[in-house]
Protein backbone atom coordinates (compact mmCIF):
# COMPACT_ATOMS: atom_id res chain seq x y z
CA VAL A 1 9.44 4.11 -10.27
CA LEU A 2 12.04 6.01 -8.28
CA ASP A 3 14.92 7.94 -9.81
CA ASN A 4 16.22 5.85 -12.71
CA TYR A 5 14.74 2.54 -11.59
CA ALA A 6 11.41 0.83 -12.12
CA TYR A 7 10.35 -1.78 -9.58
CA LEU A 8 7.82 -4.46 -10.52
CA ALA A 9 5.89 -6.90 -8.33
CA LEU A 10 5.62 -9.99 -10.54
CA ARG A 11 3.69 -12.47 -8.42
CA HIS A 12 5.66 -15.74 -8.15
CA ASN A 13 8.62 -14.17 -9.95
CA GLY A 14 9.13 -11.72 -7.08
CA LEU A 15 10.54 -8.20 -7.30
CA TRP A 16 12.17 -7.20 -10.58
CA ILE A 17 14.31 -4.07 -11.00
CA PHE A 18 14.92 -2.25 -14.30
CA ASP A 19 17.19 0.68 -15.11
CA ILE A 20 15.05 3.19 -17.01
CA SER A 21 17.63 5.97 -17.40
CA ASP A 22 16.99 5.50 -21.13
CA PRO A 23 13.19 5.04 -21.18
CA THR A 24 13.28 3.73 -24.74
CA HIS A 25 15.59 0.88 -23.70
CA PRO A 26 14.84 -0.34 -20.16
CA THR A 27 17.54 -2.67 -18.89
CA PHE A 28 17.04 -5.55 -16.46
CA VAL A 29 19.19 -4.97 -13.34
CA SER A 30 18.22 -7.72 -10.90
CA ASN A 31 15.43 -9.50 -9.12
CA TYR A 32 14.66 -10.61 -5.59
CA GLN A 33 12.62 -13.79 -5.24
CA THR A 34 9.56 -13.53 -3.00
CA ASP A 35 6.69 -15.98 -2.58
CA ASP A 36 3.87 -14.05 -4.28
CA ALA A 37 4.61 -10.33 -4.90
CA LEU A 38 1.21 -8.69 -5.42
CA ASP A 39 1.95 -5.00 -4.85
CA LEU A 40 4.79 -2.71 -3.85
CA ASP A 41 5.72 0.80 -2.84
CA VAL A 42 9.13 2.46 -2.92
CA ALA A 43 10.70 5.10 -0.67
CA GLY A 44 14.35 6.03 -0.46
CA ASN A 45 16.48 2.88 -0.57
CA TYR A 46 13.63 0.52 0.35
CA VAL A 47 10.98 -1.41 -1.52
CA TYR A 48 7.98 -2.63 0.49
CA VAL A 49 6.48 -5.74 -1.14
CA ALA A 50 3.00 -7.11 -0.38
CA ASP A 51 3.89 -10.80 -0.49
CA SER A 52 0.45 -12.37 -0.05
CA LEU A 53 0.33 -15.03 2.70
CA SER A 54 4.02 -14.40 3.47
CA GLY A 55 3.34 -10.86 4.71
CA VAL A 56 5.41 -7.81 3.78
CA SER A 57 9.05 -7.99 2.64
CA ILE A 58 11.09 -4.86 3.23
CA ILE A 59 13.96 -4.93 0.77
CA SER A 60 16.98 -2.64 0.65
CA VAL A 61 17.80 -1.50 -2.88
CA GLU A 62 20.68 0.72 -1.86
CA ASP A 63 22.62 -1.47 -4.31
CA PRO A 64 19.98 -2.28 -6.98
CA VAL A 65 22.18 -5.04 -8.38
CA HIS A 66 22.05 -6.85 -5.03
CA PRO A 67 18.65 -6.26 -3.37
CA THR A 68 18.57 -7.55 0.21
CA GLU A 69 15.62 -8.29 2.47
CA ILE A 70 16.20 -6.44 5.74
CA THR A 71 13.07 -7.68 7.49
CA ARG A 72 9.71 -9.32 6.93
CA ILE A 73 6.39 -8.66 8.63
CA SER A 74 5.17 -12.25 8.55
CA SER A 75 2.26 -12.10 10.99
CA LEU A 76 -0.27 -11.02 8.35
CA GLU A 77 -1.56 -11.46 4.84
CA ALA A 78 -0.61 -8.62 2.48
CA THR A 79 -2.38 -8.08 -0.83
CA GLN A 80 -2.09 -4.31 -1.17
CA ILE A 81 0.20 -1.75 0.46
CA ASP A 82 0.52 2.00 0.43
CA LEU A 83 3.28 4.10 1.94
CA ASN A 84 2.73 7.69 3.07
CA GLY A 85 5.63 9.27 4.93
CA ASP A 86 6.58 6.87 7.72
CA ASN A 87 3.21 5.05 7.65
CA LEU A 88 2.87 1.75 5.81
CA TYR A 89 -0.75 0.66 5.17
CA VAL A 90 -1.35 -3.05 4.55
CA THR A 91 -4.59 -4.75 3.51
CA PRO A 92 -6.68 -6.91 3.72
CA ARG A 93 -7.80 -6.23 7.28
CA LEU A 94 -6.04 -2.87 7.44
CA ARG A 95 -2.88 -2.70 9.54
CA VAL A 96 -0.76 0.45 9.86
CA PHE A 97 2.97 0.27 10.61
CA ASP A 98 5.44 2.99 11.50
CA VAL A 99 8.47 2.38 9.27
CA THR A 100 10.60 5.29 10.47
CA ASN A 101 13.25 2.59 10.84
CA PRO A 102 12.42 0.14 8.01
CA ALA A 103 14.38 -2.66 9.72
CA PHE A 104 12.04 -2.48 12.73
CA PRO A 105 8.44 -1.74 11.67
CA ILE A 106 6.09 -1.02 14.58
CA GLU A 107 2.37 -1.74 14.30
CA GLN A 108 0.45 1.44 15.14
CA ALA A 109 -3.17 0.55 14.45
CA SER A 110 -5.54 -1.91 12.84
CA PHE A 111 -9.06 -2.13 11.48
CA PRO A 112 -10.92 -5.44 11.09
CA THR A 113 -11.76 -5.10 7.41
CA GLY A 114 -10.51 -3.56 4.20
CA SER A 115 -9.29 -4.52 0.76
CA HIS A 116 -7.98 -1.29 -0.80
CA VAL A 117 -6.55 1.76 0.96
CA ASN A 118 -5.58 5.32 0.13
CA GLU A 119 -4.91 8.27 2.42
CA SER A 120 -4.82 12.05 2.40
CA ASP A 121 -4.36 14.65 5.14
CA GLU A 122 -4.60 12.21 8.08
CA ILE A 123 -7.75 10.59 6.67
CA ILE A 124 -7.70 6.97 5.50
CA TYR A 125 -10.13 5.84 2.80
CA LEU A 126 -10.68 2.10 2.91
CA THR A 127 -12.88 -0.08 0.73
CA SER A 128 -14.25 -3.38 1.90
CA GLY A 129 -16.28 -5.02 -0.84
CA SER A 130 -19.91 -5.34 0.26
CA GLU A 131 -19.26 -3.25 3.38
CA GLY A 132 -18.55 -0.15 1.28
CA LEU A 133 -16.18 2.78 1.70
CA PHE A 134 -14.92 3.63 5.18
CA THR A 135 -13.40 6.96 6.17
CA LEU A 136 -11.05 6.60 9.13
CA SER A 137 -9.12 9.15 11.19
CA LEU A 138 -5.35 8.81 11.23
CA THR A 139 -4.87 11.24 14.12
CA SER A 140 -5.27 8.53 16.74
CA SER A 141 -5.65 4.76 16.95
CA ILE A 142 -7.77 3.59 14.05
CA LYS A 143 -9.54 0.93 16.09
CA GLY A 144 -13.23 1.80 16.18
CA SER A 145 -12.94 5.29 14.69
CA VAL A 146 -15.18 4.94 11.62
CA GLN A 147 -16.19 8.41 10.50
CA HIS A 148 -18.27 7.39 7.51
CA SER A 149 -19.36 4.28 5.65
CA ASN A 150 -21.50 4.49 2.55
CA ARG A 151 -22.41 0.76 2.60
CA MET A 152 -22.34 0.66 -1.21
CA PRO A 153 -20.15 -2.22 -2.43
CA ALA A 154 -16.70 -0.74 -3.11
CA VAL A 155 -13.66 -2.44 -4.60
CA GLY A 156 -11.18 0.43 -5.04
CA VAL A 157 -10.41 3.95 -3.89
CA SER A 158 -8.25 6.77 -5.27
CA ILE A 159 -7.72 10.42 -4.48
CA TYR A 160 -7.51 12.82 -7.41
CA ALA A 161 -7.78 16.63 -7.44
CA ASN A 162 -9.11 16.69 -3.86
CA ASN A 163 -11.83 14.13 -4.66
CA VAL A 164 -12.18 10.67 -3.20
CA ILE A 165 -13.12 8.30 -6.00
CA SER A 166 -14.56 4.96 -4.94
CA THR A 167 -14.92 2.20 -7.52
CA THR A 168 -18.03 0.16 -6.86
CA THR A 169 -19.21 -3.07 -8.36
CA ALA A 170 -22.18 -1.20 -9.86
CA ALA A 171 -20.81 2.24 -10.76
CA LEU A 172 -18.12 4.83 -10.19
CA SER A 173 -18.97 7.24 -7.38
CA ALA A 174 -17.11 10.39 -6.36
CA ARG A 175 -17.31 12.26 -3.07
CA PRO A 176 -15.51 15.58 -2.47
CA ASN A 177 -12.63 15.07 -0.02
CA SER A 178 -13.87 17.86 2.28
CA ALA A 179 -17.34 16.28 2.53
CA ALA A 180 -15.98 12.90 3.65
CA THR A 181 -15.36 14.07 7.19
CA PRO A 182 -18.22 14.92 9.55
């Protein structure tokens, strides 16, 4: 949701846009067909769509009635994305792109694993199933900069009230954000 619009990633139905200026009566505005929209994030006039095996679609919604793809990062699989400032995080196999200019994303870093990502204060929290929760530094290239891995199977990660919450296959575990860095 951004301003008066809700954006939905609807798998094989693509990106759907609704006007929610009257929340009791959302109105369909338009859609943009993608191959397999799994996740999305919105910033300014752009929607970033994780489009499965087709990569990431970056779609201009400056005119919500006529959404237009401005570029596609097609050299990767994208199942989950997260946008923080000018950094776009894409999983699986974490890749980080600078999207200062959304029409020309620049890959900044990568990490060989990962299924769910969240970030806070230049720290990236990345889950990777049986490999657990990784804590990575964002201050330099991510390659090889693992700060912590708990090796407990983890399938999701969120940050809430300065706590990193990792969803595991066995239980829900929480680790204070400040304790995650060495």
